Amino acid sequence: MTDTVDRACELEQKQREQALAAAKQPVEQPNELEGHRYCLDCDIELSVKRLVANPNAVRCVDCQTLHEHQQKQFRGRY
């Protein structure tokens, strides 16, 4: 009986890890040129204020807002 429970726990853990790996979004690489970072969508240079607020930003505030809205709509379909 213990073997069955152990195998079930192992299977559950494996499935959980697979689901987490599948849910991870790929990391977007910033668009940089000569020390300046540009929005991935509109190619406008990201402001210092934006980068201070979020050092990992890859989009301007407007494009990031639109991107998040589109992601919510996409996830809502499934």
Protein backbone atom coordinates (compact mmCIF):
# COMPACT_ATOMS: atom_id res chain seq x y z
CA MET A 1 0.00 0.00 0.00
CA THR A 2 2.83 2.39 0.83
CA ASP A 3 4.42 1.80 -2.59
CA THR A 4 1.18 2.82 -4.29
CA VAL A 5 0.92 6.01 -2.24
CA ASP A 6 4.60 6.82 -2.86
CA ARG A 7 4.21 6.32 -6.61
CA ALA A 8 1.07 8.45 -6.63
CA CYS A 9 2.91 11.23 -4.79
CA GLU A 10 5.84 11.03 -7.21
CA LEU A 11 3.49 11.16 -10.20
CA GLU A 12 1.63 14.13 -8.73
CA GLN A 13 4.92 15.97 -8.13
CA LYS A 14 6.10 15.24 -11.68
CA GLN A 15 2.81 16.50 -13.14
CA ARG A 16 2.99 19.64 -10.99
CA GLU A 17 6.54 20.36 -12.19
CA GLN A 18 5.53 19.82 -15.81
CA ALA A 19 2.56 22.17 -15.45
CA LEU A 20 4.75 24.86 -13.88
CA ALA A 21 7.35 24.52 -16.63
CA ALA A 22 4.67 24.78 -19.31
CA ALA A 23 3.12 27.85 -17.67
CA LYS A 24 6.38 29.81 -17.55
CA GLN A 25 6.54 32.51 -20.16
CA PRO A 26 9.75 32.86 -22.11
CA VAL A 27 11.91 35.71 -20.89
CA GLU A 28 11.86 38.57 -23.34
CA GLN A 29 15.23 40.04 -24.18
CA PRO A 30 15.53 43.82 -24.08
CA ASN A 31 16.18 45.70 -27.30
CA GLU A 32 19.37 47.62 -26.51
CA LEU A 33 21.66 49.70 -28.64
CA GLU A 34 24.69 51.66 -27.41
CA GLY A 35 23.56 51.51 -23.80
CA HIS A 36 19.99 52.64 -24.49
CA ARG A 37 16.97 50.38 -24.18
CA TYR A 38 14.10 50.57 -26.65
CA CYS A 39 10.51 49.29 -26.45
CA LEU A 40 10.07 45.90 -28.12
CA ASP A 41 6.82 47.02 -29.73
CA CYS A 42 7.15 50.68 -30.75
CA ASP A 43 10.96 51.17 -30.70
CA ILE A 44 10.75 54.32 -28.57
CA GLU A 45 13.61 54.70 -26.10
CA LEU A 46 12.56 53.75 -22.56
CA SER A 47 12.77 56.66 -20.16
CA VAL A 48 15.12 56.67 -17.19
CA LYS A 49 12.05 57.03 -14.98
CA ARG A 50 10.60 53.80 -16.47
CA LEU A 51 13.85 51.90 -15.97
CA VAL A 52 14.23 53.14 -12.39
CA ALA A 53 10.68 51.96 -11.65
CA ASN A 54 11.27 48.62 -13.41
CA PRO A 55 14.89 47.80 -14.32
CA ASN A 56 13.73 44.72 -16.28
CA ALA A 57 11.28 46.65 -18.48
CA VAL A 58 11.32 45.77 -22.18
CA ARG A 59 8.29 47.89 -23.20
CA CYS A 60 7.18 51.46 -22.63
CA VAL A 61 4.25 51.94 -20.25
CA ASP A 62 1.67 52.25 -23.04
CA CYS A 63 2.84 49.15 -24.90
CA GLN A 64 3.16 47.16 -21.66
CA THR A 65 -0.42 48.05 -20.74
CA LEU A 66 -1.64 46.94 -24.17
CA HIS A 67 0.46 43.76 -23.99
CA GLU A 68 -0.99 42.82 -20.58
CA HIS A 69 -4.52 43.50 -21.82
CA GLN A 70 -3.96 41.25 -24.83
CA GLN A 71 -2.52 38.50 -22.62
CA LYS A 72 -5.58 38.62 -20.37
CA GLN A 73 -7.89 38.33 -23.38
CA PHE A 74 -5.87 35.43 -24.79
CA ARG A 75 -5.91 33.54 -21.48
CA GLY A 76 -9.63 34.17 -21.09
CA ARG A 77 -10.39 32.19 -24.23
CA TYR A 78 -9.20 28.91 -22.74
